[in-house]
Structure formats: C-alpha cells, structure tokens
Amino acid sequence: MNRRYFLQSVLTLATLQLAVGCSSKQKTQFTVNLLKNSIPAHLINKFSQSLKQNIQLEFSPVEQLQTIFQELIDWQQLSKNNTRKGLNNPPLFWPSKSNKVADVVTLGNYWLDIAIKQGLIQPLDREQIPNWHHLPKEWQRLVMRNQQGDLDRQGQIWAAPYRWGTTMIVYRRDKFDRLGWEPQDWGDLWREELRDRISILDHPREVIGLVLKRLGKSYNYEDLEFITELEPLLHSLHQQVKFYSSDKYLEALLMKDTWLAVGWSSDILRAIARNTTLAAVIPKSGTALWADMWACPYTGVSANINKKAIHQWINFCWQAENAKQIALLTKTNSPIPNYIKSDEIQKSLREISLNDQIFQKSEFIHCLEPTLNAKYESLFTRITKA
C-alpha cells in the first residue's frame, strides 16, 4: 500500500459537466456525481475511449460530500413518494435534473455505515470487479460490511475506495521562522505564542478528536464524560482559535489572519503546491484518516442502474496507472499499490510523509450512534459558543 507520500496535482475538475459521446437517444446514459476535484478530467476522457458499448457519460462535480449524502436521502425519499403514488417507472418522473438518480456517487467513509443501515446504497458484485484483488486487505476490510453497516469479513462489498488522506497541520513558514520552532504534534496548538492565531475545522468530531488524540485516546471514544481533562483542554484550545470553518480555514492563513490551521490534506497540499510560504506536518501521535469511495445509490429502482458500466468504472479507477494519476493529480494517496518516483512529486511536498509508525496510530472517524454523536455536538457547541 502506498503510504509514504502525499502527492501533487496539476489538473482538477473545477466546474465539469461533461457529456462524452454522440446523441443520447442512441446511447445508454451513465451518470456519476463525484466530489469536485477528486478525479482528473483526462481520466474521464480515457475511460470514455476504453468503452466498447454505446454509453453516454455524464460526470457532475459536487462541492461537498455532505451534499452527496443528502442527495442519497432525497433520491430514496422521492422514489418512495412516487411508488406510493402508483408510478411504475419513477425515472420518468424526476421533476428536475438534480433529482435524477446517479449510477455512482462519491461517498466519504464517514457516511458508509449509516448509508448501508438506511438502505441508501446497494452492494457491489465482486465477481464483476477483477481489480478487487489488487486492493490491499486493510482496504478490503474497510468496505466489507453486514446489512447493519458493521465491519464484517464475511460481509458484502459496499463501496470502492479510490483515494485517501489525513487531517493535518499547515502553518506559515515566515511566522514560525520568527518563533524559532515548528509544530510537530497536536500539543503544539496550545502554545502561548499561538493564542488567537489558529483557524480550525468547524467539525465536532475533528476538533474533539484531536484533543482526545493528545490525551492518548481514540477519535471514536464514546465515554466523553469520564475524561476529566477533556473539557478544560477544549476550553483552552478555544482560546487559541481565531475562528472555525470547514471551507475557509486556509483563506485566513493565506491572508495572515492566522499563523496555523488544522484541515484536510487534499485542501492543504493543493495550497502548498501554489504557495511556498506554507508548510505542513502530520501530527506524530496520529491523526484522522479519510477516504473517498465510489458507491451505488439504491432507491428501489433498477431500470436506471447501468451495472456493467459501474463495474467498468471502478475497475478503471483501480488500474495501477490510473490510480497513480488520481493520487498525483489530486494530491492524495491511493489505496491501490503503485510505484511513484520521487521526481514525480512536487518538491515542496516530498517531505510531507505519513510513515508506517504514524499510520498505525491514525484512524478513520466512524459515524457514531445518534445519541453518542449528539454528545460530541453538544460539547462542541457548549465550548465554541461560550
């Protein structure tokens, strides 16, 4: 598994609404709602050229994973409403393009278990995905679940991971050169010099999770009330934070309003590639991992699902050279082993590595039961609104 480097990108999907092929009347349509900038545009063209059957491709970029998860819920509800009204062919009755069910969507690992449990997605057929065997065992185990969404080595395959990354620290070189030190771990966020100088994700699980990590606990720790140090540390961290945002945290850093930010590697590494005044580090005590996956929506409707194209697309993304391109050009890691030379990685990114030692201390943030998740949100609100 390629864990060593976070990688570079020179091409992104900015506002892609791509239809490849001739008249849609003569072709089967294959629709993908994907996270913006998560697939290089030239790979979509390459995939189109590899198809032998008559298929029209439509790739629609979406800004946030939360939006795609909400689409899954909306599609299922709309299908149920149409069924109750006695419509025998729901795809003909979608009121707008936004309500048309996609064949494949990008799903974040955070939502995988709840999407399964709520019946929002359907399992994949491993017999139709030969490149499944190229996926390392740890990634196979991540997506093999039972009907309740729990990890199960005998379970079905519910998604296909195609890139992954971490939560990390990014900072301004000029400011820290003057301070005479560089951040290395979560504990550095509490240093006096950084009071009111930090921008951080507006995400309860990420913020509380990094404090738990500092305390040697898991991001997914459930008994928050039994950790007496947790709330005082959150209060003191809050004094360090200038503002919370999940999409603007880098802007403040670039404008010099903050000196350090906590965010996601896919955002941070793109920023570093464009701005040499920034540097980044993966906290040595471990961090949160994330993965983007392909999933197949389930609405009780099979007529609009092009299963052959779905499996072809996943196989295509898992081919070694294509997986390498996804990693290099979107500044992420690939779950598919592939060899990347040092000179293929942008110079400013070569030293930002996730070694095996840190990887073993890191973990995916799981979607907790509603009552437990409410505890995280309540604590976060109490701290940040104080």
Protein backbone atom coordinates (compact mmCIF):
# COMPACT_ATOMS: atom_id res chain seq x y z
CA MET A 1 0.00 0.00 0.00
CA ASN A 2 1.38 3.42 -0.92
CA ARG A 3 1.54 5.25 2.40
CA ARG A 4 4.74 7.19 2.01
CA TYR A 5 3.84 10.34 0.19
CA PHE A 6 1.12 12.86 -0.24
CA LEU A 7 1.19 13.81 -3.82
CA GLN A 8 0.84 16.51 -6.41
CA SER A 9 -1.82 17.74 -8.79
CA VAL A 10 -1.70 19.89 -11.90
CA LEU A 11 -5.24 19.34 -13.08
CA THR A 12 -8.59 19.48 -11.28
CA LEU A 13 -12.27 19.23 -12.04
CA ALA A 14 -13.38 22.83 -11.45
CA THR A 15 -16.87 23.02 -12.88
CA LEU A 16 -17.15 19.93 -15.01
CA GLN A 17 -20.45 18.97 -16.55
CA LEU A 18 -19.15 16.51 -19.09
CA ALA A 19 -21.15 14.52 -21.61
CA VAL A 20 -18.97 12.31 -23.82
CA GLY A 21 -20.36 10.80 -26.98
CA CYS A 22 -22.97 11.36 -29.62
CA SER A 23 -26.72 11.53 -29.41
CA SER A 24 -28.10 10.44 -26.03
CA LYS A 25 -31.05 8.91 -27.90
CA GLN A 26 -28.71 6.25 -29.26
CA LYS A 27 -26.83 5.56 -26.05
CA THR A 28 -27.25 4.25 -22.55
CA GLN A 29 -26.54 7.04 -20.08
CA PHE A 30 -24.03 6.56 -17.26
CA THR A 31 -24.15 9.29 -14.60
CA VAL A 32 -21.59 9.94 -11.87
CA ASN A 33 -21.98 12.57 -9.13
CA LEU A 34 -18.46 13.00 -7.83
CA LEU A 35 -16.69 15.20 -5.33
CA LYS A 36 -15.24 18.22 -7.10
CA ASN A 37 -11.51 17.92 -7.90
CA SER A 38 -11.36 14.25 -6.91
CA ILE A 39 -10.83 12.85 -10.43
CA PRO A 40 -8.53 14.33 -13.14
CA ALA A 41 -10.54 15.32 -16.21
CA HIS A 42 -8.29 13.49 -18.67
CA LEU A 43 -9.07 10.17 -16.98
CA ILE A 44 -12.75 10.60 -17.78
CA ASN A 45 -11.87 11.00 -21.44
CA LYS A 46 -9.59 7.98 -21.21
CA PHE A 47 -12.40 5.94 -19.67
CA SER A 48 -14.77 7.00 -22.44
CA GLN A 49 -12.31 5.84 -25.08
CA SER A 50 -11.94 2.48 -23.35
CA LEU A 51 -15.67 1.67 -23.56
CA LYS A 52 -16.80 -0.69 -26.26
CA GLN A 53 -20.54 -0.37 -25.72
CA ASN A 54 -22.76 2.59 -26.63
CA ILE A 55 -22.70 4.70 -23.44
CA GLN A 56 -23.10 8.42 -22.86
CA LEU A 57 -21.10 9.62 -19.85
CA GLU A 58 -22.19 12.44 -17.58
CA PHE A 59 -19.91 13.45 -14.70
CA SER A 60 -21.30 16.11 -12.36
CA PRO A 61 -18.97 17.64 -9.73
CA VAL A 62 -20.39 18.41 -6.27
CA GLU A 63 -18.73 20.80 -3.81
CA GLN A 64 -19.16 18.84 -0.57
CA LEU A 65 -19.57 15.21 0.47
CA GLN A 66 -22.40 16.22 2.80
CA THR A 67 -24.36 17.36 -0.27
CA ILE A 68 -23.94 13.99 -1.96
CA PHE A 69 -25.07 12.14 1.17
CA GLN A 70 -28.16 14.35 1.28
CA GLU A 71 -28.80 13.52 -2.38
CA LEU A 72 -28.87 9.82 -1.48
CA ILE A 73 -31.52 10.53 1.13
CA ASP A 74 -33.55 12.74 -1.22
CA TRP A 75 -33.45 10.21 -4.08
CA GLN A 76 -34.68 7.42 -1.86
CA GLN A 77 -37.48 9.56 -0.42
CA LEU A 78 -38.57 10.73 -3.87
CA SER A 79 -38.66 7.16 -5.10
CA LYS A 80 -40.82 6.14 -2.12
CA ASN A 81 -43.19 9.03 -2.79
CA ASN A 82 -43.50 8.08 -6.44
CA THR A 83 -44.11 4.45 -5.51
CA ARG A 84 -46.90 5.45 -3.12
CA LYS A 85 -48.48 7.44 -5.95
CA GLY A 86 -48.53 4.31 -8.09
CA LEU A 87 -45.88 5.34 -10.59
CA ASN A 88 -44.47 2.21 -12.20
CA ASN A 89 -41.44 3.88 -13.76
CA PRO A 90 -40.11 6.55 -11.37
CA PRO A 91 -37.11 7.66 -13.51
CA LEU A 92 -39.55 9.24 -15.96
CA PHE A 93 -40.96 11.47 -13.25
CA TRP A 94 -37.95 13.20 -11.75
CA PRO A 95 -39.01 16.87 -11.63
CA SER A 96 -35.51 18.24 -12.29
CA LYS A 97 -32.03 17.15 -13.27
CA SER A 98 -30.82 17.47 -9.69
CA ASN A 99 -33.29 14.80 -8.64
CA LYS A 100 -32.22 12.28 -11.28
CA VAL A 101 -30.58 9.33 -9.55
CA ALA A 102 -26.89 8.91 -10.40
CA ASP A 103 -25.47 5.48 -11.17
CA VAL A 104 -22.43 6.13 -9.00
CA VAL A 105 -21.56 8.76 -6.37
CA THR A 106 -18.56 9.72 -4.27
CA LEU A 107 -19.22 8.73 -0.67
CA GLY A 108 -16.96 9.62 2.25
CA ASN A 109 -16.03 6.73 4.54
CA TYR A 110 -17.65 8.63 7.42
CA TRP A 111 -21.11 8.05 5.92
CA LEU A 112 -20.63 4.48 4.74
CA ASP A 113 -22.13 2.63 7.69
CA ILE A 114 -25.17 4.89 8.00
CA ALA A 115 -25.76 4.76 4.21
CA ILE A 116 -25.86 0.97 4.43
CA LYS A 117 -28.05 0.93 7.52
CA GLN A 118 -30.57 3.32 5.96
CA GLY A 119 -30.63 1.42 2.69
CA LEU A 120 -29.29 4.36 0.66
CA ILE A 121 -26.73 2.32 -1.31
CA GLN A 122 -26.54 -1.19 -2.71
CA PRO A 123 -23.65 -3.69 -2.62
CA LEU A 124 -21.23 -4.22 -5.49
CA ASP A 125 -20.61 -7.53 -7.25
CA ARG A 126 -17.01 -8.58 -6.58
CA GLU A 127 -17.15 -11.08 -9.45
CA GLN A 128 -17.57 -8.17 -11.84
CA ILE A 129 -14.61 -6.24 -10.39
CA PRO A 130 -11.41 -8.19 -11.19
CA ASN A 131 -9.22 -5.44 -9.76
CA TRP A 132 -10.77 -6.02 -6.32
CA HIS A 133 -7.90 -8.46 -5.78
CA HIS A 134 -5.40 -5.61 -6.25
CA LEU A 135 -6.89 -3.77 -3.28
CA PRO A 136 -4.85 -4.44 -0.10
CA LYS A 137 -6.58 -6.43 2.63
CA GLU A 138 -6.89 -3.48 5.02
CA TRP A 139 -8.88 -1.56 2.40
CA GLN A 140 -11.00 -4.59 1.56
CA ARG A 141 -11.90 -4.98 5.23
CA LEU A 142 -12.91 -1.31 5.43
CA VAL A 143 -15.71 -1.73 2.87
CA MET A 144 -16.89 -5.26 3.69
CA ARG A 145 -19.94 -4.77 5.92
CA ASN A 146 -23.09 -6.52 7.02
CA GLN A 147 -26.58 -5.11 6.44
CA GLN A 148 -26.27 -3.00 9.62
CA GLY A 149 -23.15 -1.29 8.29
CA ASP A 150 -20.79 -3.02 10.72
CA LEU A 151 -17.38 -4.32 9.67
CA ASP A 152 -17.74 -7.96 8.68
CA ARG A 153 -15.10 -10.08 6.93
CA GLN A 154 -17.91 -12.23 5.53
CA GLY A 155 -19.94 -9.19 4.50
CA GLN A 156 -20.70 -7.76 1.09
CA ILE A 157 -18.67 -5.07 -0.68
CA TRP A 158 -20.49 -1.76 -0.27
CA ALA A 159 -18.06 0.76 -1.76
CA ALA A 160 -14.82 1.14 -3.71
CA PRO A 161 -12.18 3.48 -2.17
CA TYR A 162 -10.24 5.43 -4.79
CA ARG A 163 -8.22 7.97 -2.80
CA TRP A 164 -7.43 8.80 0.81
CA GLY A 165 -5.75 11.36 3.03
CA THR A 166 -5.48 12.74 6.55
CA THR A 167 -6.23 15.64 8.83
CA MET A 168 -3.04 17.66 9.20
CA ILE A 169 -1.46 20.89 10.44
CA VAL A 170 -0.47 23.65 8.00
CA TYR A 171 1.40 26.79 9.00
CA ARG A 172 3.15 29.90 7.71
CA ARG A 173 6.91 29.46 7.41
CA ASP A 174 7.60 33.18 7.90
CA LYS A 175 5.78 33.36 11.24
CA PHE A 176 7.36 30.23 12.64
CA ASP A 177 10.85 31.22 11.47
CA ARG A 178 10.49 34.17 13.84
CA LEU A 179 9.21 31.95 16.63
CA GLY A 180 12.17 29.61 16.21
CA TRP A 181 10.23 26.35 16.24
CA GLU A 182 7.93 24.30 14.01
CA PRO A 183 4.76 22.42 15.02
CA GLN A 184 5.18 18.66 15.27
CA ASP A 185 2.16 17.37 17.16
CA TRP A 186 -1.30 18.30 18.45
CA GLY A 187 0.10 19.54 21.76
CA ASP A 188 1.77 22.46 19.96
CA LEU A 189 -1.64 24.03 19.33
CA TRP A 190 -1.79 25.06 22.99
CA ARG A 191 1.47 27.04 22.98
CA GLU A 192 1.07 30.61 24.19
CA GLU A 193 2.51 32.12 21.00
CA LEU A 194 -0.47 30.81 19.04
CA ARG A 195 -3.21 32.40 21.11
CA ASP A 196 -5.88 33.70 18.71
CA ARG A 197 -3.68 32.60 15.77
CA ILE A 198 -5.34 29.35 14.71
CA SER A 199 -8.07 28.57 12.16
CA ILE A 200 -9.61 25.14 12.55
CA LEU A 201 -12.30 22.91 11.08
CA ASP A 202 -15.87 23.59 12.17
CA HIS A 203 -16.33 19.90 12.85
CA PRO A 204 -17.06 18.47 16.34
CA ARG A 205 -15.53 15.06 15.66
CA GLU A 206 -12.32 16.55 14.25
CA VAL A 207 -11.79 19.13 17.00
CA ILE A 208 -12.76 16.94 19.94
CA GLY A 209 -10.92 14.08 18.26
CA LEU A 210 -7.58 15.87 18.13
CA VAL A 211 -7.90 16.70 21.83
CA LEU A 212 -8.67 13.04 22.53
CA LYS A 213 -5.63 12.11 20.46
CA ARG A 214 -3.48 14.42 22.55
CA LEU A 215 -4.78 12.55 25.60
CA GLY A 216 -3.88 9.20 24.06
CA LYS A 217 -7.49 8.29 23.26
CA SER A 218 -9.33 7.39 20.08
CA TYR A 219 -11.16 9.79 17.76
CA ASN A 220 -14.12 7.46 18.26
CA TYR A 221 -14.02 7.41 22.07
CA GLU A 222 -17.56 7.10 23.39
CA ASP A 223 -17.47 7.86 27.14
CA LEU A 224 -16.58 11.55 26.95
CA GLU A 225 -17.98 12.33 30.39
CA PHE A 226 -15.36 10.11 32.03
CA ILE A 227 -12.36 12.07 30.69
CA THR A 228 -11.98 14.89 33.20
CA GLU A 229 -9.19 16.60 31.22
CA LEU A 230 -11.22 16.82 28.01
CA GLU A 231 -13.42 19.86 28.62
CA PRO A 232 -10.67 22.03 30.20
CA LEU A 233 -8.40 21.29 27.22
CA LEU A 234 -11.18 22.15 24.80
CA HIS A 235 -11.74 25.46 26.60
CA SER A 236 -8.05 26.33 26.43
CA LEU A 237 -7.86 25.32 22.76
CA HIS A 238 -10.85 27.56 22.08
CA GLN A 239 -8.79 30.49 23.40
CA GLN A 240 -6.18 29.71 20.74
CA VAL A 241 -8.67 29.58 17.85
CA LYS A 242 -9.48 32.74 15.90
CA PHE A 243 -12.33 31.09 14.01
CA TYR A 244 -13.86 27.76 12.98
CA SER A 245 -14.57 26.94 9.35
CA SER A 246 -14.52 23.81 7.20
CA ASP A 247 -14.07 25.66 3.91
CA LYS A 248 -12.38 28.99 4.75
CA TYR A 249 -9.65 27.92 7.16
CA LEU A 250 -6.91 28.30 4.52
CA GLU A 251 -8.04 31.74 3.42
CA ALA A 252 -7.29 33.17 6.86
CA LEU A 253 -3.86 31.58 6.79
CA LEU A 254 -3.03 33.00 3.37
CA MET A 255 -4.28 36.44 4.44
CA LYS A 256 -2.04 36.24 7.54
CA ASP A 257 -5.04 36.49 9.85
CA THR A 258 -3.90 33.20 11.34
CA TRP A 259 -0.50 31.54 11.52
CA LEU A 260 -1.58 27.91 11.70
CA ALA A 261 -4.57 25.89 10.54
CA VAL A 262 -5.93 22.38 11.01
CA GLY A 263 -7.58 20.89 7.94
CA TRP A 264 -7.74 18.15 5.34
CA SER A 265 -4.71 17.09 3.34
CA SER A 266 -6.43 17.37 -0.05
CA ASP A 267 -7.02 21.09 0.59
CA ILE A 268 -3.71 21.76 2.30
CA LEU A 269 -1.42 20.09 -0.23
CA ARG A 270 -3.02 21.96 -3.13
CA ALA A 271 -2.37 25.20 -1.23
CA ILE A 272 1.26 24.30 -0.52
CA ALA A 273 1.82 23.44 -4.18
CA ARG A 274 0.82 27.01 -5.09
CA ASN A 275 2.33 28.88 -2.14
CA THR A 276 5.84 28.17 -0.86
CA THR A 277 5.26 30.27 2.29
CA LEU A 278 3.22 27.37 3.67
CA ALA A 279 4.46 24.14 5.23
CA ALA A 280 2.60 21.19 6.72
CA VAL A 281 3.08 18.31 9.11
CA ILE A 282 1.17 15.17 10.03
CA PRO A 283 0.98 15.02 13.85
CA LYS A 284 3.34 12.31 15.09
CA SER A 285 0.90 10.99 17.73
CA GLY A 286 -1.53 10.04 14.96
CA THR A 287 -4.37 11.71 13.12
CA ALA A 288 -7.73 11.17 11.44
CA LEU A 289 -7.84 9.33 8.13
CA TRP A 290 -10.45 9.84 5.43
CA ALA A 291 -11.27 8.01 2.19
CA ASP A 292 -13.35 8.89 -0.84
CA MET A 293 -15.24 5.92 -2.26
CA TRP A 294 -17.49 5.03 -5.17
CA ALA A 295 -20.92 3.84 -4.07
CA CYS A 296 -24.04 2.82 -5.96
CA PRO A 297 -27.31 4.52 -4.87
CA TYR A 298 -30.29 2.35 -4.06
CA THR A 299 -33.81 3.71 -4.44
CA GLY A 300 -35.72 0.52 -5.14
CA VAL A 301 -35.40 1.34 -8.85
CA SER A 302 -33.25 -0.86 -11.05
CA ALA A 303 -34.12 0.46 -14.51
CA ASN A 304 -31.77 3.43 -14.25
CA ILE A 305 -28.79 1.43 -12.97
CA ASN A 306 -26.14 0.57 -15.57
CA LYS A 307 -24.35 -2.08 -13.53
CA LYS A 308 -21.90 -3.08 -16.24
CA ALA A 309 -20.64 0.50 -16.59
CA ILE A 310 -20.45 0.85 -12.79
CA HIS A 311 -18.11 -2.12 -12.52
CA GLN A 312 -16.10 -0.95 -15.53
CA TRP A 313 -15.61 2.47 -13.93
CA ILE A 314 -14.44 1.00 -10.61
CA ASN A 315 -12.08 -1.40 -12.40
CA PHE A 316 -10.73 1.52 -14.40
CA CYS A 317 -10.01 3.59 -11.26
CA TRP A 318 -8.25 0.60 -9.70
CA GLN A 319 -5.86 0.06 -12.59
CA ALA A 320 -2.37 0.87 -11.27
CA GLU A 321 -1.55 3.69 -13.69
CA ASN A 322 -4.95 5.34 -13.31
CA ALA A 323 -4.79 5.04 -9.52
CA LYS A 324 -1.36 6.67 -9.66
CA GLN A 325 -2.72 9.56 -11.72
CA ILE A 326 -5.60 10.11 -9.30
CA ALA A 327 -3.14 10.28 -6.41
CA LEU A 328 -0.60 12.52 -8.15
CA LEU A 329 -3.04 14.94 -9.67
CA THR A 330 -5.44 15.32 -6.73
CA LYS A 331 -2.68 15.37 -4.08
CA THR A 332 -3.87 12.34 -2.20
CA ASN A 333 -2.82 8.74 -1.60
CA SER A 334 -4.08 5.73 -3.49
CA PRO A 335 -5.39 2.54 -1.87
CA ILE A 336 -4.01 0.66 -4.89
CA PRO A 337 -0.26 -0.07 -4.67
CA ASN A 338 1.64 1.79 -7.37
CA TYR A 339 5.19 3.00 -7.72
CA ILE A 340 5.71 6.74 -7.68
CA LYS A 341 9.20 8.13 -8.21
CA SER A 342 10.45 10.95 -6.02
CA ASP A 343 10.91 13.25 -9.01
CA GLU A 344 7.23 12.80 -9.90
CA ILE A 345 6.29 14.50 -6.65
CA GLN A 346 6.39 18.27 -6.41
CA LYS A 347 9.48 19.33 -4.45
CA SER A 348 7.52 21.23 -1.80
CA LEU A 349 5.53 18.07 -0.99
CA ARG A 350 8.28 15.45 -0.84
CA GLU A 351 8.98 15.78 2.86
CA ILE A 352 5.33 15.54 3.93
CA SER A 353 5.02 11.86 4.60
CA LEU A 354 2.82 9.51 6.55
CA ASN A 355 5.21 6.82 7.72
CA ASP A 356 4.08 3.43 8.98
CA GLN A 357 4.57 4.42 12.61
CA ILE A 358 2.22 7.40 12.36
CA PHE A 359 -0.18 5.44 10.15
CA GLN A 360 -0.57 2.77 12.83
CA LYS A 361 -1.51 5.47 15.35
CA SER A 362 -4.09 7.02 12.99
CA GLU A 363 -7.71 6.00 12.41
CA PHE A 364 -10.87 6.61 10.46
CA ILE A 365 -13.57 8.65 12.16
CA HIS A 366 -16.67 6.47 12.39
CA CYS A 367 -20.24 7.67 12.29
CA LEU A 368 -21.46 7.08 15.85
CA GLU A 369 -24.94 6.21 17.01
CA PRO A 370 -27.18 9.33 17.11
CA THR A 371 -27.13 9.60 20.91
CA LEU A 372 -23.33 9.41 21.03
CA ASN A 373 -22.93 11.80 18.12
CA ALA A 374 -25.24 14.24 19.92
CA LYS A 375 -22.84 14.22 22.88
CA TYR A 376 -20.00 15.34 20.64
CA GLU A 377 -22.10 18.07 19.06
CA SER A 378 -23.43 19.29 22.40
CA LEU A 379 -19.94 19.51 23.91
CA PHE A 380 -18.58 21.28 20.83
CA THR A 381 -21.42 23.81 20.85
CA ARG A 382 -21.01 24.46 24.57
CA ILE A 383 -17.29 25.21 24.10
CA THR A 384 -17.42 27.26 20.91
CA LYS A 385 -20.46 29.34 21.88
CA ALA A 386 -19.20 30.13 25.37
